[in-house]
Amino acid sequence: PVDEHASAFLATLLGDLIREAGCPADIHVDGVINVQDLLVILSEWGESGSGDVDDNGITDVLDLLKVIESWGVCWPVQAPYAE
């Protein structure tokens, strides 16, 4: 991408594609569900937003449990990220 706005747009698109491909708990899109994703959940607790993994309108314990349940690499979409 040529500038910061184009980079942000591309990152958003890639993040959406990864989550739609079967990794909704990969909130901090890097192909791995880990502490970074937990931090997003905690920072958005009680609000709607990317931390709302189950799309019920609020980031809560159900989203936290989904992240913990999905912990680890996000197969098969982690390939571009994980080494």
PDB file of N, CA and C in Angstrom:
ATOM      1  N   PRO A   1       0.821  -1.203   0.000  1.00  0.00           N
ATOM      2  CA  PRO A   1       0.000   0.000   0.000  1.00  0.00           C
ATOM      3  C   PRO A   1       0.857   1.256   0.000  1.00  0.00           C
ATOM      4  N   VAL A   2       0.359   2.270  -0.642  1.00  0.00           N
ATOM      5  CA  VAL A   2       1.128   3.492  -0.836  1.00  0.00           C
ATOM      6  C   VAL A   2       1.098   4.451   0.339  1.00  0.00           C
ATOM      7  N   ASP A   3       0.094   4.355   1.207  1.00  0.00           N
ATOM      8  CA  ASP A   3       0.033   5.261   2.349  1.00  0.00           C
ATOM      9  C   ASP A   3      -0.672   4.591   3.527  1.00  0.00           C
ATOM     10  N   GLU A   4      -0.767   5.327   4.618  1.00  0.00           N
ATOM     11  CA  GLU A   4      -1.344   4.783   5.851  1.00  0.00           C
ATOM     12  C   GLU A   4      -2.814   4.398   5.678  1.00  0.00           C
ATOM     13  N   HIS A   5      -3.572   5.184   4.931  1.00  0.00           N
ATOM     14  CA  HIS A   5      -4.993   4.899   4.735  1.00  0.00           C
ATOM     15  C   HIS A   5      -5.192   3.639   3.903  1.00  0.00           C
ATOM     16  N   ALA A   6      -4.396   3.475   2.872  1.00  0.00           N
ATOM     17  CA  ALA A   6      -4.479   2.272   2.046  1.00  0.00           C
ATOM     18  C   ALA A   6      -4.083   1.041   2.858  1.00  0.00           C
ATOM     19  N   SER A   7      -3.086   1.177   3.715  1.00  0.00           N
ATOM     20  CA  SER A   7      -2.663   0.070   4.568  1.00  0.00           C
ATOM     21  C   SER A   7      -3.771  -0.327   5.540  1.00  0.00           C
ATOM     22  N   ALA A   8      -4.410   0.647   6.135  1.00  0.00           N
ATOM     23  CA  ALA A   8      -5.506   0.370   7.071  1.00  0.00           C
ATOM     24  C   ALA A   8      -6.672  -0.303   6.357  1.00  0.00           C
ATOM     25  N   PHE A   9      -6.983   0.142   5.160  1.00  0.00           N
ATOM     26  CA  PHE A   9      -8.057  -0.457   4.375  1.00  0.00           C
ATOM     27  C   PHE A   9      -7.738  -1.908   4.051  1.00  0.00           C
ATOM     28  N   LEU A  10      -6.517  -2.175   3.610  1.00  0.00           N
ATOM     29  CA  LEU A  10      -6.105  -3.534   3.272  1.00  0.00           C
ATOM     30  C   LEU A  10      -6.126  -4.432   4.515  1.00  0.00           C
ATOM     31  N   ALA A  11      -5.658  -3.922   5.644  1.00  0.00           N
ATOM     32  CA  ALA A  11      -5.659  -4.702   6.881  1.00  0.00           C
ATOM     33  C   ALA A  11      -7.082  -5.054   7.302  1.00  0.00           C
ATOM     34  N   THR A  12      -8.005  -4.127   7.129  1.00  0.00           N
ATOM     35  CA  THR A  12      -9.405  -4.388   7.454  1.00  0.00           C
ATOM     36  C   THR A  12      -9.975  -5.475   6.564  1.00  0.00           C
ATOM     37  N   LEU A  13      -9.699  -5.394   5.279  1.00  0.00           N
ATOM     38  CA  LEU A  13     -10.191  -6.421   4.354  1.00  0.00           C
ATOM     39  C   LEU A  13      -9.625  -7.795   4.681  1.00  0.00           C
ATOM     40  N   LEU A  14      -8.324  -7.858   4.923  1.00  0.00           N
ATOM     41  CA  LEU A  14      -7.696  -9.136   5.259  1.00  0.00           C
ATOM     42  C   LEU A  14      -8.244  -9.690   6.566  1.00  0.00           C
ATOM     43  N   GLY A  15      -8.438  -8.831   7.544  1.00  0.00           N
ATOM     44  CA  GLY A  15      -8.994  -9.270   8.821  1.00  0.00           C
ATOM     45  C   GLY A  15     -10.371  -9.857   8.657  1.00  0.00           C
ATOM     46  N   ASP A  16     -11.208  -9.202   7.861  1.00  0.00           N
ATOM     47  CA  ASP A  16     -12.555  -9.716   7.607  1.00  0.00           C
ATOM     48  C   ASP A  16     -12.507 -11.060   6.903  1.00  0.00           C
ATOM     49  N   LEU A  17     -11.624 -11.199   5.930  1.00  0.00           N
ATOM     50  CA  LEU A  17     -11.501 -12.471   5.201  1.00  0.00           C
ATOM     51  C   LEU A  17     -11.053 -13.601   6.111  1.00  0.00           C
ATOM     52  N   ILE A  18     -10.097 -13.332   6.985  1.00  0.00           N
ATOM     53  CA  ILE A  18      -9.607 -14.359   7.908  1.00  0.00           C
ATOM     54  C   ILE A  18     -10.718 -14.786   8.859  1.00  0.00           C
ATOM     55  N   ARG A  19     -11.430 -13.830   9.422  1.00  0.00           N
ATOM     56  CA  ARG A  19     -12.510 -14.181  10.345  1.00  0.00           C
ATOM     57  C   ARG A  19     -13.610 -14.951   9.629  1.00  0.00           C
ATOM     58  N   GLU A  20     -13.953 -14.563   8.410  1.00  0.00           N
ATOM     59  CA  GLU A  20     -14.978 -15.266   7.652  1.00  0.00           C
ATOM     60  C   GLU A  20     -14.523 -16.663   7.238  1.00  0.00           C
ATOM     61  N   ALA A  21     -13.226 -16.876   7.115  1.00  0.00           N
ATOM     62  CA  ALA A  21     -12.696 -18.175   6.709  1.00  0.00           C
ATOM     63  C   ALA A  21     -12.700 -19.179   7.854  1.00  0.00           C
ATOM     64  N   GLY A  22     -13.161 -18.803   9.009  1.00  0.00           N
ATOM     65  CA  GLY A  22     -13.258 -19.748  10.103  1.00  0.00           C
ATOM     66  C   GLY A  22     -12.485 -19.377  11.341  1.00  0.00           C
ATOM     67  N   CYS A  23     -12.051 -18.144  11.442  1.00  0.00           N
ATOM     68  CA  CYS A  23     -11.283 -17.710  12.613  1.00  0.00           C
ATOM     69  C   CYS A  23     -11.882 -16.451  13.226  1.00  0.00           C
ATOM     70  N   PRO A  24     -13.140 -16.512  13.653  1.00  0.00           N
ATOM     71  CA  PRO A  24     -13.747 -15.296  14.209  1.00  0.00           C
ATOM     72  C   PRO A  24     -13.073 -14.807  15.486  1.00  0.00           C
ATOM     73  N   ALA A  25     -12.393 -15.697  16.204  1.00  0.00           N
ATOM     74  CA  ALA A  25     -11.731 -15.295  17.445  1.00  0.00           C
ATOM     75  C   ALA A  25     -10.378 -14.638  17.210  1.00  0.00           C
ATOM     76  N   ASP A  26      -9.901 -14.612  15.968  1.00  0.00           N
ATOM     77  CA  ASP A  26      -8.635 -13.943  15.653  1.00  0.00           C
ATOM     78  C   ASP A  26      -8.916 -12.459  15.451  1.00  0.00           C
ATOM     79  N   ILE A  27      -9.152 -11.773  16.554  1.00  0.00           N
ATOM     80  CA  ILE A  27      -9.541 -10.367  16.529  1.00  0.00           C
ATOM     81  C   ILE A  27      -8.362  -9.478  16.157  1.00  0.00           C
ATOM     82  N   HIS A  28      -7.223  -9.754  16.748  1.00  0.00           N
ATOM     83  CA  HIS A  28      -5.976  -9.061  16.406  1.00  0.00           C
ATOM     84  C   HIS A  28      -5.372  -9.900  15.284  1.00  0.00           C
ATOM     85  N   VAL A  29      -5.763  -9.615  14.075  1.00  0.00           N
ATOM     86  CA  VAL A  29      -5.555 -10.518  12.941  1.00  0.00           C
ATOM     87  C   VAL A  29      -4.077 -10.761  12.663  1.00  0.00           C
ATOM     88  N   ASP A  30      -3.622 -11.956  13.057  1.00  0.00           N
ATOM     89  CA  ASP A  30      -2.250 -12.362  12.806  1.00  0.00           C
ATOM     90  C   ASP A  30      -2.149 -13.866  12.573  1.00  0.00           C
ATOM     91  N   GLY A  31      -3.306 -14.535  12.417  1.00  0.00           N
ATOM     92  CA  GLY A  31      -3.314 -15.963  12.155  1.00  0.00           C
ATOM     93  C   GLY A  31      -3.170 -16.823  13.389  1.00  0.00           C
ATOM     94  N   VAL A  32      -3.100 -16.197  14.571  1.00  0.00           N
ATOM     95  CA  VAL A  32      -2.964 -16.934  15.826  1.00  0.00           C
ATOM     96  C   VAL A  32      -3.926 -16.323  16.840  1.00  0.00           C
ATOM     97  N   ILE A  33      -4.629 -17.177  17.548  1.00  0.00           N
ATOM     98  CA  ILE A  33      -5.501 -16.704  18.618  1.00  0.00           C
ATOM     99  C   ILE A  33      -4.695 -16.825  19.905  1.00  0.00           C
ATOM    100  N   ASN A  34      -4.387 -15.655  20.499  1.00  0.00           N
ATOM    101  CA  ASN A  34      -3.485 -15.630  21.643  1.00  0.00           C
ATOM    102  C   ASN A  34      -3.797 -14.446  22.552  1.00  0.00           C
ATOM    103  N   VAL A  35      -2.834 -14.047  23.350  1.00  0.00           N
ATOM    104  CA  VAL A  35      -3.037 -12.983  24.327  1.00  0.00           C
ATOM    105  C   VAL A  35      -3.421 -11.656  23.664  1.00  0.00           C
ATOM    106  N   GLN A  36      -2.974 -11.421  22.451  1.00  0.00           N
ATOM    107  CA  GLN A  36      -3.348 -10.184  21.757  1.00  0.00           C
ATOM    108  C   GLN A  36      -4.856 -10.100  21.574  1.00  0.00           C
ATOM    109  N   ASP A  37      -5.475 -11.236  21.258  1.00  0.00           N
ATOM    110  CA  ASP A  37      -6.923 -11.275  21.085  1.00  0.00           C
ATOM    111  C   ASP A  37      -7.640 -11.087  22.425  1.00  0.00           C
ATOM    112  N   LEU A  38      -7.083 -11.674  23.478  1.00  0.00           N
ATOM    113  CA  LEU A  38      -7.654 -11.471  24.810  1.00  0.00           C
ATOM    114  C   LEU A  38      -7.611  -9.998  25.215  1.00  0.00           C
ATOM    115  N   LEU A  39      -6.528  -9.318  24.873  1.00  0.00           N
ATOM    116  CA  LEU A  39      -6.413  -7.901  25.213  1.00  0.00           C
ATOM    117  C   LEU A  39      -7.477  -7.062  24.518  1.00  0.00           C
ATOM    118  N   VAL A  40      -7.820  -7.424  23.290  1.00  0.00           N
ATOM    119  CA  VAL A  40      -8.900  -6.715  22.590  1.00  0.00           C
ATOM    120  C   VAL A  40     -10.217  -6.935  23.323  1.00  0.00           C
ATOM    121  N   ILE A  41     -10.478  -8.185  23.712  1.00  0.00           N
ATOM    122  CA  ILE A  41     -11.701  -8.491  24.462  1.00  0.00           C
ATOM    123  C   ILE A  41     -11.769  -7.620  25.721  1.00  0.00           C
ATOM    124  N   LEU A  42     -10.697  -7.595  26.471  1.00  0.00           N
ATOM    125  CA  LEU A  42     -10.686  -6.835  27.719  1.00  0.00           C
ATOM    126  C   LEU A  42     -10.836  -5.338  27.490  1.00  0.00           C
ATOM    127  N   SER A  43     -10.210  -4.823  26.447  1.00  0.00           N
ATOM    128  CA  SER A  43     -10.284  -3.379  26.191  1.00  0.00           C
ATOM    129  C   SER A  43     -11.659  -2.941  25.699  1.00  0.00           C
ATOM    130  N   GLU A  44     -12.429  -3.876  25.143  1.00  0.00           N
ATOM    131  CA  GLU A  44     -13.757  -3.532  24.628  1.00  0.00           C
ATOM    132  C   GLU A  44     -14.881  -4.113  25.482  1.00  0.00           C
ATOM    133  N   TRP A  45     -14.560  -4.574  26.684  1.00  0.00           N
ATOM    134  CA  TRP A  45     -15.532  -5.212  27.563  1.00  0.00           C
ATOM    135  C   TRP A  45     -16.757  -4.319  27.755  1.00  0.00           C
ATOM    136  N   GLY A  46     -17.937  -4.896  27.550  1.00  0.00           N
ATOM    137  CA  GLY A  46     -19.183  -4.170  27.741  1.00  0.00           C
ATOM    138  C   GLY A  46     -19.601  -3.309  26.567  1.00  0.00           C
ATOM    139  N   GLU A  47     -18.844  -3.343  25.492  1.00  0.00           N
ATOM    140  CA  GLU A  47     -19.137  -2.528  24.311  1.00  0.00           C
ATOM    141  C   GLU A  47     -19.329  -3.426  23.096  1.00  0.00           C
ATOM    142  N   SER A  48     -19.846  -2.845  22.033  1.00  0.00           N
ATOM    143  CA  SER A  48     -19.868  -3.566  20.762  1.00  0.00           C
ATOM    144  C   SER A  48     -18.558  -3.249  20.045  1.00  0.00           C
ATOM    145  N   GLY A  49     -18.257  -3.977  19.004  1.00  0.00           N
ATOM    146  CA  GLY A  49     -17.022  -3.739  18.267  1.00  0.00           C
ATOM    147  C   GLY A  49     -16.367  -5.037  17.881  1.00  0.00           C
ATOM    148  N   SER A  50     -15.091  -4.980  17.560  1.00  0.00           N
ATOM    149  CA  SER A  50     -14.399  -6.172  17.085  1.00  0.00           C
ATOM    150  C   SER A  50     -14.262  -7.237  18.165  1.00  0.00           C
ATOM    151  N   GLY A  51     -14.345  -6.870  19.427  1.00  0.00           N
ATOM    152  CA  GLY A  51     -14.282  -7.836  20.514  1.00  0.00           C
ATOM    153  C   GLY A  51     -15.534  -8.677  20.648  1.00  0.00           C
ATOM    154  N   ASP A  52     -16.592  -8.291  19.962  1.00  0.00           N
ATOM    155  CA  ASP A  52     -17.857  -9.026  20.005  1.00  0.00           C
ATOM    156  C   ASP A  52     -17.793 -10.185  19.019  1.00  0.00           C
ATOM    157  N   VAL A  53     -17.105 -11.243  19.404  1.00  0.00           N
ATOM    158  CA  VAL A  53     -16.849 -12.391  18.528  1.00  0.00           C
ATOM    159  C   VAL A  53     -18.136 -13.099  18.133  1.00  0.00           C
ATOM    160  N   ASP A  54     -19.078 -13.205  19.050  1.00  0.00           N
ATOM    161  CA  ASP A  54     -20.312 -13.950  18.757  1.00  0.00           C
ATOM    162  C   ASP A  54     -21.428 -13.075  18.187  1.00  0.00           C
ATOM    163  N   ASP A  55     -21.131 -11.815  17.922  1.00  0.00           N
ATOM    164  CA  ASP A  55     -22.072 -10.879  17.286  1.00  0.00           C
ATOM    165  C   ASP A  55     -23.407 -10.747  18.021  1.00  0.00           C
ATOM    166  N   ASN A  56     -23.361 -10.750  19.360  1.00  0.00           N
ATOM    167  CA  ASN A  56     -24.604 -10.554  20.109  1.00  0.00           C
ATOM    168  C   ASN A  56     -24.786  -9.104  20.543  1.00  0.00           C
ATOM    169  N   GLY A  57     -23.896  -8.223  20.089  1.00  0.00           N
ATOM    170  CA  GLY A  57     -24.031  -6.799  20.346  1.00  0.00           C
ATOM    171  C   GLY A  57     -23.206  -6.260  21.502  1.00  0.00           C
ATOM    172  N   ILE A  58     -22.522  -7.145  22.231  1.00  0.00           N
ATOM    173  CA  ILE A  58     -21.724  -6.702  23.377  1.00  0.00           C
ATOM    174  C   ILE A  58     -20.543  -7.647  23.587  1.00  0.00           C
ATOM    175  N   THR A  59     -19.410  -7.083  23.979  1.00  0.00           N
ATOM    176  CA  THR A  59     -18.239  -7.896  24.298  1.00  0.00           C
ATOM    177  C   THR A  59     -18.378  -8.337  25.753  1.00  0.00           C
ATOM    178  N   ASP A  60     -18.479  -9.647  25.941  1.00  0.00           N
ATOM    179  CA  ASP A  60     -18.746 -10.178  27.271  1.00  0.00           C
ATOM    180  C   ASP A  60     -18.051 -11.525  27.477  1.00  0.00           C
ATOM    181  N   VAL A  61     -18.459 -12.231  28.517  1.00  0.00           N
ATOM    182  CA  VAL A  61     -17.828 -13.496  28.872  1.00  0.00           C
ATOM    183  C   VAL A  61     -17.958 -14.542  27.762  1.00  0.00           C
ATOM    184  N   LEU A  62     -19.017 -14.493  26.970  1.00  0.00           N
ATOM    185  CA  LEU A  62     -19.173 -15.448  25.873  1.00  0.00           C
ATOM    186  C   LEU A  62     -18.082 -15.259  24.820  1.00  0.00           C
ATOM    187  N   ASP A  63     -17.713 -14.012  24.573  1.00  0.00           N
ATOM    188  CA  ASP A  63     -16.626 -13.733  23.629  1.00  0.00           C
ATOM    189  C   ASP A  63     -15.284 -14.178  24.205  1.00  0.00           C
ATOM    190  N   LEU A  64     -15.091 -13.938  25.484  1.00  0.00           N
ATOM    191  CA  LEU A  64     -13.874 -14.381  26.156  1.00  0.00           C
ATOM    192  C   LEU A  64     -13.727 -15.899  26.063  1.00  0.00           C
ATOM    193  N   LEU A  65     -14.809 -16.619  26.312  1.00  0.00           N
ATOM    194  CA  LEU A  65     -14.780 -18.082  26.233  1.00  0.00           C
ATOM    195  C   LEU A  65     -14.509 -18.571  24.818  1.00  0.00           C
ATOM    196  N   LYS A  66     -15.042 -17.871  23.817  1.00  0.00           N
ATOM    197  CA  LYS A  66     -14.803 -18.245  22.424  1.00  0.00           C
ATOM    198  C   LYS A  66     -13.322 -18.109  22.071  1.00  0.00           C
ATOM    199  N   VAL A  67     -12.688 -17.058  22.536  1.00  0.00           N
ATOM    200  CA  VAL A  67     -11.257 -16.861  22.279  1.00  0.00           C
ATOM    201  C   VAL A  67     -10.445 -17.963  22.958  1.00  0.00           C
ATOM    202  N   ILE A  68     -10.771 -18.260  24.214  1.00  0.00           N
ATOM    203  CA  ILE A  68     -10.046 -19.311  24.929  1.00  0.00           C
ATOM    204  C   ILE A  68     -10.249 -20.664  24.255  1.00  0.00           C
ATOM    205  N   GLU A  69     -11.470 -20.950  23.836  1.00  0.00           N
ATOM    206  CA  GLU A  69     -11.778 -22.214  23.165  1.00  0.00           C
ATOM    207  C   GLU A  69     -11.014 -22.361  21.843  1.00  0.00           C
ATOM    208  N   SER A  70     -10.769 -21.258  21.169  1.00  0.00           N
ATOM    209  CA  SER A  70     -10.127 -21.275  19.851  1.00  0.00           C
ATOM    210  C   SER A  70      -8.619 -21.076  19.921  1.00  0.00           C
ATOM    211  N   TRP A  71      -8.048 -21.041  21.096  1.00  0.00           N
ATOM    212  CA  TRP A  71      -6.637 -20.706  21.334  1.00  0.00           C
ATOM    213  C   TRP A  71      -5.694 -21.472  20.408  1.00  0.00           C
ATOM    214  N   GLY A  72      -4.731 -20.783  19.850  1.00  0.00           N
ATOM    215  CA  GLY A  72      -3.697 -21.400  19.017  1.00  0.00           C
ATOM    216  C   GLY A  72      -3.742 -20.885  17.595  1.00  0.00           C
ATOM    217  N   VAL A  73      -3.095 -21.633  16.706  1.00  0.00           N
ATOM    218  CA  VAL A  73      -3.055 -21.210  15.309  1.00  0.00           C
ATOM    219  C   VAL A  73      -4.425 -21.355  14.676  1.00  0.00           C
ATOM    220  N   CYS A  74      -4.662 -20.550  13.705  1.00  0.00           N
ATOM    221  CA  CYS A  74      -5.949 -20.506  13.032  1.00  0.00           C
ATOM    222  C   CYS A  74      -5.825 -21.222  11.687  1.00  0.00           C
ATOM    223  N   TRP A  75      -6.009 -22.500  11.692  1.00  0.00           N
ATOM    224  CA  TRP A  75      -5.874 -23.309  10.496  1.00  0.00           C
ATOM    225  C   TRP A  75      -7.085 -23.146   9.610  1.00  0.00           C
ATOM    226  N   PRO A  76      -6.992 -23.000   8.303  1.00  0.00           N
ATOM    227  CA  PRO A  76      -5.784 -23.028   7.491  1.00  0.00           C
ATOM    228  C   PRO A  76      -5.258 -21.648   7.126  1.00  0.00           C
ATOM    229  N   VAL A  77      -5.789 -20.608   7.701  1.00  0.00           N
ATOM    230  CA  VAL A  77      -5.431 -19.266   7.228  1.00  0.00           C
ATOM    231  C   VAL A  77      -4.206 -18.673   7.895  1.00  0.00           C
ATOM    232  N   GLN A  78      -3.551 -19.381   8.785  1.00  0.00           N
ATOM    233  CA  GLN A  78      -2.382 -18.808   9.429  1.00  0.00           C
ATOM    234  C   GLN A  78      -1.138 -18.856   8.568  1.00  0.00           C
ATOM    235  N   ALA A  79      -1.170 -19.615   7.488  1.00  0.00           N
ATOM    236  CA  ALA A  79       0.028 -19.833   6.669  1.00  0.00           C
ATOM    237  C   ALA A  79       0.788 -18.551   6.297  1.00  0.00           C
ATOM    238  N   PRO A  80       0.120 -17.478   5.891  1.00  0.00           N
ATOM    239  CA  PRO A  80       0.915 -16.288   5.542  1.00  0.00           C
ATOM    240  C   PRO A  80       1.577 -15.642   6.744  1.00  0.00           C
ATOM    241  N   TYR A  81       1.111 -15.946   7.956  1.00  0.00           N
ATOM    242  CA  TYR A  81       1.604 -15.267   9.142  1.00  0.00           C
ATOM    243  C   TYR A  81       2.570 -16.109   9.949  1.00  0.00           C
ATOM    244  N   ALA A  82       2.161 -17.334  10.254  1.00  0.00           N
ATOM    245  CA  ALA A  82       2.959 -18.193  11.137  1.00  0.00           C
ATOM    246  C   ALA A  82       4.158 -18.775  10.394  1.00  0.00           C
ATOM    247  N   GLU A  83       5.230 -18.987  11.130  1.00  0.00           N
ATOM    248  CA  GLU A  83       6.424 -19.569  10.516  1.00  0.00           C
ATOM    249  C   GLU A  83       6.864 -20.779  11.301  1.00  0.00           C
TER     250      GLU A  83
END
